N, C-alpha and C. Protein backbone atom coordinates (compact mmCIF):
# COMPACT_ATOMS: atom_id res chain seq x y z
N UNK A 1 12.26 -5.99 -5.27
CA UNK A 1 13.64 -6.47 -5.24
C UNK A 1 14.40 -6.08 -6.51
N UNK A 2 13.68 -5.81 -7.59
CA UNK A 2 14.35 -5.39 -8.82
C UNK A 2 14.90 -3.97 -8.72
N UNK A 3 14.54 -3.25 -7.67
CA UNK A 3 14.95 -1.85 -7.54
C UNK A 3 16.38 -1.66 -7.05
N UNK A 4 17.05 -2.73 -6.68
CA UNK A 4 18.45 -2.68 -6.23
C UNK A 4 18.61 -1.81 -4.98
N UNK A 5 17.67 -1.95 -4.05
CA UNK A 5 17.75 -1.18 -2.81
C UNK A 5 17.93 -2.10 -1.60
N UNK A 6 18.86 -3.01 -1.73
CA UNK A 6 19.27 -3.92 -0.67
C UNK A 6 18.20 -4.94 -0.32
N UNK A 7 18.36 -5.61 0.81
CA UNK A 7 17.50 -6.72 1.15
C UNK A 7 16.16 -6.32 1.74
N UNK A 8 15.18 -7.19 1.53
CA UNK A 8 13.82 -6.90 1.97
C UNK A 8 13.70 -6.85 3.50
N UNK A 9 14.40 -7.74 4.19
CA UNK A 9 14.35 -7.73 5.66
C UNK A 9 15.15 -6.56 6.21
N UNK A 10 16.24 -6.21 5.55
CA UNK A 10 17.02 -5.03 5.93
C UNK A 10 16.14 -3.78 5.86
N UNK A 11 15.41 -3.65 4.75
CA UNK A 11 14.53 -2.49 4.59
C UNK A 11 13.44 -2.48 5.66
N UNK A 12 12.80 -3.60 5.85
CA UNK A 12 11.67 -3.66 6.79
C UNK A 12 12.13 -3.36 8.22
N UNK A 13 13.26 -3.92 8.63
CA UNK A 13 13.77 -3.68 9.98
C UNK A 13 14.14 -2.21 10.18
N UNK A 14 14.81 -1.63 9.20
CA UNK A 14 15.19 -0.22 9.31
C UNK A 14 13.98 0.69 9.23
N UNK A 15 12.97 0.28 8.47
CA UNK A 15 11.74 1.08 8.39
C UNK A 15 11.02 1.07 9.74
N UNK A 16 11.01 -0.06 10.40
CA UNK A 16 10.41 -0.12 11.73
C UNK A 16 11.16 0.77 12.72
N UNK A 17 12.48 0.74 12.64
CA UNK A 17 13.29 1.63 13.49
C UNK A 17 12.96 3.09 13.22
N UNK A 18 12.77 3.42 11.94
CA UNK A 18 12.42 4.79 11.58
C UNK A 18 11.13 5.22 12.26
N UNK A 19 10.15 4.32 12.31
CA UNK A 19 8.88 4.67 12.95
C UNK A 19 9.01 4.74 14.48
N UNK A 20 9.81 3.89 15.04
CA UNK A 20 10.00 3.92 16.51
C UNK A 20 10.70 5.20 16.94
N UNK A 21 11.69 5.63 16.14
CA UNK A 21 12.53 6.78 16.51
C UNK A 21 12.39 7.94 15.53
N UNK A 22 11.24 8.09 14.90
CA UNK A 22 11.09 9.08 13.84
C UNK A 22 11.45 10.49 14.29
N UNK A 23 12.40 11.08 13.55
CA UNK A 23 12.92 12.43 13.81
C UNK A 23 13.53 12.57 15.20
N UNK A 24 14.02 11.46 15.73
CA UNK A 24 14.82 11.47 16.95
C UNK A 24 16.24 11.08 16.57
N UNK A 25 17.17 11.16 17.49
CA UNK A 25 18.58 10.92 17.21
C UNK A 25 18.82 9.53 16.61
N UNK A 26 18.03 8.53 17.01
CA UNK A 26 18.23 7.16 16.53
C UNK A 26 17.65 6.94 15.14
N UNK A 27 16.90 7.90 14.61
CA UNK A 27 16.32 7.78 13.27
C UNK A 27 17.45 7.76 12.24
N UNK A 28 17.46 6.75 11.38
CA UNK A 28 18.54 6.60 10.40
C UNK A 28 18.58 7.72 9.37
N UNK A 29 17.42 8.31 9.05
CA UNK A 29 17.40 9.28 7.95
C UNK A 29 16.45 10.44 8.21
N UNK A 30 16.58 11.08 9.36
CA UNK A 30 15.77 12.25 9.65
C UNK A 30 16.39 13.50 9.03
N UNK A 31 15.68 14.15 8.08
CA UNK A 31 16.23 15.38 7.50
C UNK A 31 16.24 16.52 8.51
N UNK A 32 15.37 16.43 9.50
CA UNK A 32 15.30 17.46 10.53
C UNK A 32 16.59 17.49 11.34
N UNK A 33 17.16 16.32 11.62
CA UNK A 33 18.35 16.23 12.46
C UNK A 33 19.64 16.03 11.66
N UNK A 34 19.55 15.39 10.50
CA UNK A 34 20.78 15.00 9.79
C UNK A 34 20.96 15.69 8.44
N UNK A 35 20.04 16.54 8.06
CA UNK A 35 20.17 17.29 6.83
C UNK A 35 19.66 16.56 5.60
N UNK A 36 19.52 17.33 4.52
CA UNK A 36 18.92 16.81 3.30
C UNK A 36 19.72 15.68 2.68
N UNK A 37 21.02 15.90 2.40
CA UNK A 37 21.79 14.92 1.63
C UNK A 37 21.98 13.60 2.36
N UNK A 38 22.21 13.67 3.67
CA UNK A 38 22.37 12.40 4.41
C UNK A 38 21.05 11.65 4.43
N UNK A 39 19.95 12.33 4.68
CA UNK A 39 18.65 11.64 4.75
C UNK A 39 18.18 11.20 3.37
N UNK A 40 18.64 11.88 2.34
CA UNK A 40 18.22 11.52 0.98
C UNK A 40 18.94 10.27 0.48
N UNK A 41 20.25 10.24 0.59
CA UNK A 41 21.00 9.12 0.01
C UNK A 41 22.20 8.69 0.83
N UNK A 42 22.74 9.59 1.65
CA UNK A 42 23.96 9.26 2.39
C UNK A 42 23.79 8.11 3.36
N UNK A 43 22.64 8.04 4.02
CA UNK A 43 22.42 7.03 5.05
C UNK A 43 22.50 5.61 4.52
N UNK A 44 22.06 5.41 3.27
CA UNK A 44 22.01 4.04 2.75
C UNK A 44 23.41 3.49 2.44
N UNK A 45 24.39 4.40 2.30
CA UNK A 45 25.76 3.98 2.04
C UNK A 45 26.65 4.09 3.28
N UNK A 46 26.11 4.57 4.35
CA UNK A 46 26.87 4.73 5.60
C UNK A 46 27.18 3.33 6.16
N UNK A 47 28.46 3.03 6.45
CA UNK A 47 28.80 1.71 7.02
C UNK A 47 28.04 1.40 8.30
N UNK A 48 27.64 2.41 9.03
CA UNK A 48 26.93 2.20 10.30
C UNK A 48 25.50 1.71 10.10
N UNK A 49 24.96 1.81 8.89
CA UNK A 49 23.56 1.42 8.65
C UNK A 49 23.42 0.13 7.86
N UNK A 50 24.50 -0.59 7.66
CA UNK A 50 24.45 -1.76 6.78
C UNK A 50 23.83 -2.99 7.43
N UNK A 51 23.82 -3.06 8.74
CA UNK A 51 23.24 -4.22 9.42
C UNK A 51 21.84 -3.93 9.94
N UNK A 52 21.25 -4.94 10.56
CA UNK A 52 19.95 -4.79 11.21
C UNK A 52 19.80 -5.88 12.25
N UNK A 53 18.90 -5.67 13.17
CA UNK A 53 18.63 -6.65 14.22
C UNK A 53 17.53 -7.60 13.75
N UNK A 54 17.86 -8.88 13.46
CA UNK A 54 16.85 -9.82 12.96
C UNK A 54 15.68 -10.02 13.92
N UNK A 55 15.89 -9.79 15.21
CA UNK A 55 14.80 -9.96 16.18
C UNK A 55 13.69 -8.94 15.94
N UNK A 56 14.04 -7.80 15.40
CA UNK A 56 13.03 -6.76 15.15
C UNK A 56 12.15 -7.08 13.96
N UNK A 57 12.55 -8.08 13.18
CA UNK A 57 11.81 -8.43 11.98
C UNK A 57 11.52 -9.94 11.94
N UNK A 58 11.45 -10.55 13.11
CA UNK A 58 11.29 -12.00 13.21
C UNK A 58 9.99 -12.48 12.57
N UNK A 59 8.95 -11.64 12.56
CA UNK A 59 7.67 -12.05 11.96
C UNK A 59 7.81 -12.24 10.45
N UNK A 60 8.66 -11.45 9.80
CA UNK A 60 8.92 -11.63 8.38
C UNK A 60 10.04 -12.64 8.16
N UNK A 61 10.99 -12.68 9.07
CA UNK A 61 12.15 -13.56 8.94
C UNK A 61 11.82 -15.03 9.01
N UNK A 62 10.61 -15.36 9.44
CA UNK A 62 10.24 -16.78 9.51
C UNK A 62 9.95 -17.38 8.14
N UNK A 63 9.85 -16.52 7.11
CA UNK A 63 9.57 -17.00 5.77
C UNK A 63 10.88 -17.24 5.01
N UNK A 64 11.14 -18.49 4.59
CA UNK A 64 12.41 -18.79 3.92
C UNK A 64 12.61 -18.01 2.63
N UNK A 65 11.53 -17.75 1.90
CA UNK A 65 11.69 -17.00 0.65
C UNK A 65 12.14 -15.56 0.91
N UNK A 66 11.68 -14.96 2.01
CA UNK A 66 12.12 -13.61 2.34
C UNK A 66 13.56 -13.60 2.84
N UNK A 67 13.94 -14.64 3.57
CA UNK A 67 15.34 -14.74 4.01
C UNK A 67 16.26 -14.92 2.80
N UNK A 68 15.81 -15.72 1.82
CA UNK A 68 16.60 -15.91 0.60
C UNK A 68 16.77 -14.59 -0.15
N UNK A 69 15.66 -13.86 -0.34
CA UNK A 69 15.72 -12.59 -1.05
C UNK A 69 16.56 -11.56 -0.30
N UNK A 70 16.54 -11.62 1.01
CA UNK A 70 17.35 -10.69 1.79
C UNK A 70 18.83 -11.01 1.65
N UNK A 71 19.17 -12.29 1.67
CA UNK A 71 20.57 -12.69 1.57
C UNK A 71 21.13 -12.45 0.17
N UNK A 72 20.32 -12.77 -0.84
CA UNK A 72 20.76 -12.63 -2.23
C UNK A 72 20.00 -11.47 -2.90
N UNK A 73 20.00 -10.32 -2.24
CA UNK A 73 19.21 -9.18 -2.72
C UNK A 73 19.63 -8.70 -4.11
N UNK A 74 20.84 -9.01 -4.52
CA UNK A 74 21.35 -8.59 -5.83
C UNK A 74 20.83 -9.46 -6.96
N UNK A 75 20.32 -10.65 -6.63
CA UNK A 75 19.92 -11.60 -7.66
C UNK A 75 18.72 -11.12 -8.50
N UNK A 76 17.64 -10.63 -7.90
CA UNK A 76 16.51 -10.18 -8.74
C UNK A 76 16.88 -9.01 -9.65
N UNK A 77 17.62 -8.03 -9.13
CA UNK A 77 17.94 -6.88 -9.97
C UNK A 77 18.94 -7.25 -11.07
N UNK A 78 19.87 -8.15 -10.76
CA UNK A 78 20.81 -8.60 -11.79
C UNK A 78 20.07 -9.38 -12.88
N UNK A 79 19.15 -10.24 -12.48
CA UNK A 79 18.35 -11.01 -13.45
C UNK A 79 17.53 -10.08 -14.33
N UNK A 80 16.94 -9.06 -13.73
CA UNK A 80 16.15 -8.08 -14.46
C UNK A 80 17.02 -7.33 -15.47
N UNK A 81 18.20 -6.92 -15.04
CA UNK A 81 19.13 -6.20 -15.92
C UNK A 81 19.55 -7.06 -17.11
N UNK A 82 19.88 -8.32 -16.84
CA UNK A 82 20.30 -9.24 -17.91
C UNK A 82 19.15 -9.48 -18.89
N UNK A 83 17.94 -9.65 -18.38
CA UNK A 83 16.78 -9.87 -19.23
C UNK A 83 16.55 -8.68 -20.16
N UNK A 84 16.60 -7.48 -19.61
CA UNK A 84 16.39 -6.28 -20.43
C UNK A 84 17.47 -6.17 -21.50
N UNK A 85 18.72 -6.42 -21.11
CA UNK A 85 19.81 -6.36 -22.08
C UNK A 85 19.64 -7.42 -23.18
N UNK A 86 19.22 -8.62 -22.78
CA UNK A 86 19.04 -9.71 -23.75
C UNK A 86 17.92 -9.41 -24.74
N UNK A 87 16.89 -8.72 -24.27
CA UNK A 87 15.75 -8.41 -25.14
C UNK A 87 16.04 -7.23 -26.07
N UNK A 88 16.67 -6.18 -25.51
CA UNK A 88 16.79 -4.95 -26.30
C UNK A 88 18.18 -4.38 -26.48
N UNK A 89 19.20 -5.06 -25.97
CA UNK A 89 20.56 -4.57 -26.15
C UNK A 89 20.92 -3.43 -25.20
N UNK A 90 22.00 -2.73 -25.54
CA UNK A 90 22.54 -1.72 -24.65
C UNK A 90 21.61 -0.53 -24.45
N UNK A 91 20.91 -0.10 -25.50
CA UNK A 91 20.01 1.05 -25.34
C UNK A 91 18.84 0.71 -24.42
N UNK A 92 18.31 -0.50 -24.53
CA UNK A 92 17.24 -0.93 -23.63
C UNK A 92 17.76 -1.03 -22.20
N UNK A 93 18.99 -1.50 -22.04
CA UNK A 93 19.60 -1.61 -20.70
C UNK A 93 19.74 -0.22 -20.07
N UNK A 94 20.22 0.74 -20.86
CA UNK A 94 20.41 2.11 -20.32
C UNK A 94 19.07 2.75 -19.97
N UNK A 95 18.11 2.69 -20.92
CA UNK A 95 16.83 3.34 -20.70
C UNK A 95 15.88 2.53 -19.82
N UNK A 96 15.89 1.23 -19.99
CA UNK A 96 14.93 0.39 -19.28
C UNK A 96 15.39 -0.11 -17.93
N UNK A 97 16.70 0.00 -17.66
CA UNK A 97 17.20 -0.45 -16.36
C UNK A 97 17.91 0.69 -15.61
N UNK A 98 19.01 1.18 -16.18
CA UNK A 98 19.80 2.18 -15.45
C UNK A 98 19.01 3.45 -15.14
N UNK A 99 18.35 4.02 -16.15
CA UNK A 99 17.60 5.26 -15.94
C UNK A 99 16.44 5.05 -14.98
N UNK A 100 15.74 3.92 -15.13
CA UNK A 100 14.61 3.67 -14.23
C UNK A 100 15.07 3.46 -12.79
N UNK A 101 16.22 2.81 -12.60
CA UNK A 101 16.76 2.63 -11.25
C UNK A 101 17.11 3.98 -10.63
N UNK A 102 17.75 4.84 -11.42
CA UNK A 102 18.11 6.18 -10.92
C UNK A 102 16.86 6.97 -10.52
N UNK A 103 15.84 6.95 -11.38
CA UNK A 103 14.59 7.66 -11.08
C UNK A 103 13.90 7.07 -9.86
N UNK A 104 13.87 5.75 -9.78
CA UNK A 104 13.26 5.07 -8.64
C UNK A 104 13.97 5.43 -7.34
N UNK A 105 15.31 5.42 -7.36
CA UNK A 105 16.08 5.81 -6.18
C UNK A 105 15.69 7.21 -5.74
N UNK A 106 15.69 8.16 -6.68
CA UNK A 106 15.42 9.55 -6.31
C UNK A 106 14.00 9.72 -5.76
N UNK A 107 13.03 9.05 -6.37
CA UNK A 107 11.65 9.16 -5.89
C UNK A 107 11.51 8.58 -4.48
N UNK A 108 12.02 7.37 -4.27
CA UNK A 108 11.85 6.76 -2.94
C UNK A 108 12.67 7.49 -1.88
N UNK A 109 13.85 7.99 -2.24
CA UNK A 109 14.67 8.72 -1.27
C UNK A 109 14.07 10.07 -0.91
N UNK A 110 13.28 10.65 -1.84
CA UNK A 110 12.62 11.93 -1.53
C UNK A 110 11.62 11.79 -0.39
N UNK A 111 11.08 10.60 -0.21
CA UNK A 111 10.16 10.39 0.92
C UNK A 111 10.92 10.62 2.22
N UNK A 112 12.17 10.13 2.29
CA UNK A 112 12.99 10.34 3.50
C UNK A 112 13.41 11.79 3.65
N UNK A 113 13.86 12.41 2.57
CA UNK A 113 14.48 13.74 2.68
C UNK A 113 13.49 14.89 2.62
N UNK A 114 12.34 14.71 1.94
CA UNK A 114 11.41 15.83 1.76
C UNK A 114 10.09 15.67 2.52
N UNK A 115 9.62 14.43 2.71
CA UNK A 115 8.29 14.23 3.30
C UNK A 115 8.26 14.46 4.81
N UNK A 116 9.39 14.84 5.39
CA UNK A 116 9.41 15.27 6.79
C UNK A 116 9.70 16.76 6.88
N UNK A 117 9.66 17.44 5.73
CA UNK A 117 9.99 18.87 5.70
C UNK A 117 8.93 19.68 4.96
N UNK A 118 8.48 19.20 3.78
CA UNK A 118 7.56 19.96 2.94
C UNK A 118 6.22 19.25 2.80
N UNK A 119 5.14 20.00 3.01
CA UNK A 119 3.81 19.45 2.85
C UNK A 119 2.89 19.86 3.98
N UNK A 120 1.77 19.17 4.08
CA UNK A 120 0.76 19.50 5.08
C UNK A 120 0.65 18.38 6.11
N UNK A 121 0.13 18.75 7.28
CA UNK A 121 -0.04 17.78 8.37
C UNK A 121 -1.52 17.67 8.75
N UNK A 122 -2.12 16.54 8.40
CA UNK A 122 -3.51 16.29 8.80
C UNK A 122 -3.56 15.82 10.25
N UNK A 123 -2.55 15.04 10.65
CA UNK A 123 -2.55 14.45 11.98
C UNK A 123 -1.38 14.99 12.81
N UNK A 124 -1.60 15.16 14.07
CA UNK A 124 -0.54 15.62 14.99
C UNK A 124 0.24 14.40 15.47
N UNK A 125 1.19 13.98 14.68
CA UNK A 125 2.05 12.86 15.05
C UNK A 125 3.24 13.37 15.85
N UNK A 126 4.01 12.46 16.43
CA UNK A 126 5.16 12.82 17.26
C UNK A 126 6.42 13.11 16.44
N UNK A 127 6.26 13.29 15.13
CA UNK A 127 7.41 13.55 14.26
C UNK A 127 7.05 14.72 13.35
N UNK A 128 7.84 14.94 12.31
CA UNK A 128 7.61 16.05 11.39
C UNK A 128 7.05 15.59 10.04
N UNK A 129 6.44 14.41 9.98
CA UNK A 129 5.95 13.86 8.71
C UNK A 129 4.91 14.78 8.07
N UNK A 130 4.94 14.80 6.74
CA UNK A 130 4.06 15.66 5.96
C UNK A 130 3.41 14.87 4.82
N UNK A 131 2.22 15.30 4.43
CA UNK A 131 1.59 14.81 3.21
C UNK A 131 2.03 15.71 2.07
N UNK A 132 2.47 15.13 0.97
CA UNK A 132 2.99 15.90 -0.16
C UNK A 132 2.43 15.29 -1.44
N UNK A 133 1.56 16.03 -2.14
CA UNK A 133 0.87 15.49 -3.30
C UNK A 133 1.84 15.14 -4.43
N UNK A 134 2.88 15.94 -4.65
CA UNK A 134 3.84 15.64 -5.70
C UNK A 134 4.55 14.32 -5.41
N UNK A 135 5.01 14.13 -4.17
CA UNK A 135 5.67 12.88 -3.80
C UNK A 135 4.70 11.70 -3.88
N UNK A 136 3.44 11.93 -3.56
CA UNK A 136 2.45 10.86 -3.65
C UNK A 136 2.29 10.38 -5.09
N UNK A 137 2.35 11.31 -6.04
CA UNK A 137 2.20 10.94 -7.45
C UNK A 137 3.42 10.15 -7.93
N UNK A 138 4.63 10.63 -7.63
CA UNK A 138 5.82 9.96 -8.17
C UNK A 138 6.19 8.68 -7.42
N UNK A 139 5.61 8.47 -6.22
CA UNK A 139 5.89 7.24 -5.47
C UNK A 139 4.68 6.31 -5.38
N UNK A 140 3.66 6.60 -6.15
CA UNK A 140 2.44 5.77 -6.21
C UNK A 140 1.72 5.68 -4.87
N UNK A 141 1.82 6.74 -4.06
CA UNK A 141 1.05 6.83 -2.82
C UNK A 141 1.84 7.09 -1.57
N UNK A 142 3.15 6.86 -1.59
CA UNK A 142 3.95 7.02 -0.37
C UNK A 142 4.10 8.46 0.09
N UNK A 143 3.75 9.40 -0.76
CA UNK A 143 3.86 10.80 -0.37
C UNK A 143 2.82 11.25 0.65
N UNK A 144 1.80 10.42 0.88
CA UNK A 144 0.84 10.73 1.95
C UNK A 144 1.47 10.28 3.27
N UNK A 145 2.59 10.90 3.57
CA UNK A 145 3.49 10.40 4.61
C UNK A 145 2.99 10.67 6.02
N UNK A 146 2.32 11.79 6.22
CA UNK A 146 1.75 12.05 7.55
C UNK A 146 0.65 11.04 7.85
N UNK A 147 -0.14 10.70 6.83
CA UNK A 147 -1.15 9.64 7.01
C UNK A 147 -0.47 8.34 7.41
N UNK A 148 0.62 8.02 6.74
CA UNK A 148 1.36 6.78 7.00
C UNK A 148 1.92 6.76 8.42
N UNK A 149 2.45 7.87 8.88
CA UNK A 149 2.99 7.91 10.24
C UNK A 149 1.87 7.90 11.28
N UNK A 150 0.71 8.39 10.91
CA UNK A 150 -0.43 8.33 11.83
C UNK A 150 -0.91 6.90 12.01
N UNK A 151 -0.86 6.13 10.95
CA UNK A 151 -1.28 4.72 11.00
C UNK A 151 -0.30 3.88 10.21
N UNK A 152 0.80 3.56 10.85
CA UNK A 152 1.90 2.86 10.17
C UNK A 152 1.56 1.43 9.77
N UNK A 153 0.53 0.83 10.35
CA UNK A 153 0.20 -0.57 10.05
C UNK A 153 -0.74 -0.71 8.85
N UNK A 154 -1.23 0.41 8.32
CA UNK A 154 -2.14 0.34 7.19
C UNK A 154 -1.39 0.37 5.87
N UNK A 155 -1.82 -0.46 4.91
CA UNK A 155 -1.22 -0.41 3.58
C UNK A 155 -1.84 0.71 2.76
N UNK A 156 -2.88 1.32 3.27
CA UNK A 156 -3.53 2.45 2.58
C UNK A 156 -2.96 3.75 3.13
N UNK A 157 -2.36 4.55 2.25
CA UNK A 157 -1.79 5.81 2.70
C UNK A 157 -2.61 7.01 2.26
N UNK A 158 -3.37 6.89 1.18
CA UNK A 158 -4.29 7.95 0.77
C UNK A 158 -5.64 7.70 1.38
N UNK A 159 -6.05 8.53 2.35
CA UNK A 159 -7.30 8.28 3.08
C UNK A 159 -8.52 8.93 2.43
N UNK A 160 -8.34 10.10 1.85
CA UNK A 160 -9.45 10.81 1.21
C UNK A 160 -9.59 10.33 -0.23
N UNK A 161 -10.76 10.52 -0.82
CA UNK A 161 -11.00 10.04 -2.18
C UNK A 161 -10.05 10.67 -3.19
N UNK A 162 -9.62 11.88 -2.92
CA UNK A 162 -8.74 12.59 -3.87
C UNK A 162 -7.26 12.30 -3.62
N UNK A 163 -6.93 11.59 -2.58
CA UNK A 163 -5.54 11.23 -2.30
C UNK A 163 -5.19 9.95 -3.07
N UNK A 164 -4.67 10.12 -4.26
CA UNK A 164 -4.38 8.99 -5.15
C UNK A 164 -3.31 8.10 -4.53
N UNK A 165 -3.62 6.82 -4.43
CA UNK A 165 -2.73 5.85 -3.80
C UNK A 165 -2.71 4.58 -4.67
N UNK A 166 -1.92 4.64 -5.73
CA UNK A 166 -1.91 3.55 -6.70
C UNK A 166 -1.48 2.21 -6.10
N UNK A 167 -0.58 2.25 -5.13
CA UNK A 167 -0.14 1.01 -4.49
C UNK A 167 -1.31 0.32 -3.80
N UNK A 168 -2.11 1.09 -3.07
CA UNK A 168 -3.26 0.51 -2.39
C UNK A 168 -4.27 -0.04 -3.40
N UNK A 169 -4.50 0.68 -4.50
CA UNK A 169 -5.44 0.19 -5.50
C UNK A 169 -4.97 -1.14 -6.08
N UNK A 170 -3.69 -1.24 -6.37
CA UNK A 170 -3.14 -2.49 -6.92
C UNK A 170 -3.25 -3.63 -5.91
N UNK A 171 -2.93 -3.36 -4.65
CA UNK A 171 -3.06 -4.40 -3.63
C UNK A 171 -4.51 -4.87 -3.48
N UNK A 172 -5.45 -3.93 -3.59
CA UNK A 172 -6.87 -4.29 -3.51
C UNK A 172 -7.26 -5.20 -4.67
N UNK A 173 -6.83 -4.86 -5.88
CA UNK A 173 -7.12 -5.71 -7.05
C UNK A 173 -6.51 -7.09 -6.88
N UNK A 174 -5.27 -7.15 -6.39
CA UNK A 174 -4.62 -8.45 -6.16
C UNK A 174 -5.35 -9.26 -5.09
N UNK A 175 -5.97 -8.58 -4.14
CA UNK A 175 -6.72 -9.30 -3.10
C UNK A 175 -7.98 -9.94 -3.68
N UNK A 176 -8.54 -9.34 -4.71
CA UNK A 176 -9.74 -9.89 -5.34
C UNK A 176 -9.48 -11.25 -5.99
N UNK A 177 -8.25 -11.49 -6.41
CA UNK A 177 -7.92 -12.77 -7.05
C UNK A 177 -7.12 -13.68 -6.12
N UNK A 178 -6.99 -13.29 -4.86
CA UNK A 178 -6.37 -14.15 -3.86
C UNK A 178 -4.86 -14.11 -3.79
N UNK A 179 -4.22 -13.21 -4.51
CA UNK A 179 -2.76 -13.11 -4.45
C UNK A 179 -2.32 -12.40 -3.17
N UNK A 180 -3.11 -11.43 -2.73
CA UNK A 180 -2.84 -10.69 -1.50
C UNK A 180 -3.97 -10.97 -0.52
N UNK A 181 -3.63 -11.16 0.76
CA UNK A 181 -4.65 -11.45 1.77
C UNK A 181 -4.45 -10.55 2.99
N UNK A 182 -5.51 -10.43 3.76
CA UNK A 182 -5.48 -9.72 5.04
C UNK A 182 -4.99 -8.28 4.90
N UNK A 183 -5.54 -7.56 3.93
CA UNK A 183 -5.21 -6.14 3.78
C UNK A 183 -5.73 -5.39 5.00
N UNK A 184 -4.86 -4.60 5.58
CA UNK A 184 -5.24 -3.81 6.75
C UNK A 184 -5.80 -2.46 6.32
N UNK A 185 -7.03 -2.15 6.73
CA UNK A 185 -7.59 -0.83 6.39
C UNK A 185 -6.96 0.24 7.29
N UNK A 186 -7.38 1.46 7.06
CA UNK A 186 -6.94 2.56 7.92
C UNK A 186 -7.40 2.31 9.34
N UNK A 187 -6.46 2.37 10.27
CA UNK A 187 -6.77 2.21 11.69
C UNK A 187 -6.01 3.29 12.44
N UNK A 188 -6.74 4.29 12.93
CA UNK A 188 -6.08 5.38 13.67
C UNK A 188 -5.53 4.83 14.97
N UNK A 189 -4.27 5.13 15.25
CA UNK A 189 -3.61 4.64 16.46
C UNK A 189 -3.15 5.82 17.30
N UNK A 190 -3.16 5.64 18.61
CA UNK A 190 -2.55 6.68 19.43
C UNK A 190 -1.05 6.44 19.50
N UNK A 191 -0.33 7.25 20.26
CA UNK A 191 1.13 7.17 20.28
C UNK A 191 1.64 5.86 20.85
N UNK A 192 0.81 5.12 21.58
CA UNK A 192 1.22 3.84 22.14
C UNK A 192 0.88 2.68 21.21
N UNK A 193 0.34 2.98 20.02
CA UNK A 193 0.02 1.93 19.05
C UNK A 193 -1.33 1.28 19.29
N UNK A 194 -2.15 1.85 20.19
CA UNK A 194 -3.46 1.30 20.47
C UNK A 194 -4.47 1.88 19.47
N UNK A 195 -5.27 1.00 18.88
CA UNK A 195 -6.25 1.45 17.89
C UNK A 195 -7.34 2.26 18.57
N UNK A 196 -7.59 3.46 18.04
CA UNK A 196 -8.63 4.32 18.60
C UNK A 196 -9.78 4.51 17.63
N UNK A 197 -9.57 4.15 16.35
CA UNK A 197 -10.62 4.28 15.36
C UNK A 197 -10.30 3.38 14.18
N UNK A 198 -11.30 2.70 13.65
CA UNK A 198 -11.10 1.89 12.45
C UNK A 198 -12.07 2.36 11.38
N UNK A 199 -11.58 2.53 10.16
CA UNK A 199 -12.41 3.03 9.07
C UNK A 199 -12.28 2.09 7.88
N UNK A 200 -13.39 1.60 7.41
CA UNK A 200 -13.37 0.77 6.20
C UNK A 200 -12.96 -0.66 6.46
N UNK A 201 -13.20 -1.48 5.46
CA UNK A 201 -12.81 -2.89 5.54
C UNK A 201 -12.53 -3.38 4.15
N UNK A 202 -11.42 -4.07 3.95
CA UNK A 202 -11.04 -4.56 2.63
C UNK A 202 -10.63 -6.00 2.71
C-alpha cells in the first residue's frame, strides 16, 4: 500500500480480470492488443479502468481491514512519505520516497508491458505470457510471468532452483513464524482451472 498504486481490492479485482481475459479484448493492459505505452502506464490512468466489480473480489472484500485500505488507499503512502520527510528532510523525501515510487512503478508496470512480449515460454498458456529473468530480478520474482499464468493461484512464481523468487522466499520465512498461513505451492492447472499436477508443499 505504500507504493501508491491505488486500492488493494481494485488491484486484485483487475488482476483477476487480466487472468480471465489475458491478451483478449477485455484485458485491461495487453501489450499485444493495446500497445506498449497503454499497457505500461496508460491503462492505470484511463477513466474507464477506475472502478471494479466488488462481486469478483468478494472473498477478499469480506475483510474490513482490506476494505479500509482499499477505500483510503492514499493513507499508507502519505504516512510513509511524511515519516521519511520527518526523519530525513527534503533530500530523504526525494531519494527515499519519490525516486523509489518512480522506480517501483516502472518495474511493476514492465510486467504488464514487457512480460507478454519478451522472454521464454515454458508452458503453453492461452496468452502471450513470458518468463523474463531481468524482470524477475527487478520485481523480486514477478518476471517469471509464464509460470504465473500457468498457475495463477500459486504464490511461487520461480519453479526451478535457479529462478530467483524473493517474494516467495520472504513469504516462506513469514510462514515459519505464523505471520503468513496456507501458502499455496505450485499447482499445474489446465485451461479450466482444474488441478492436473501438484508439486511441493509449504
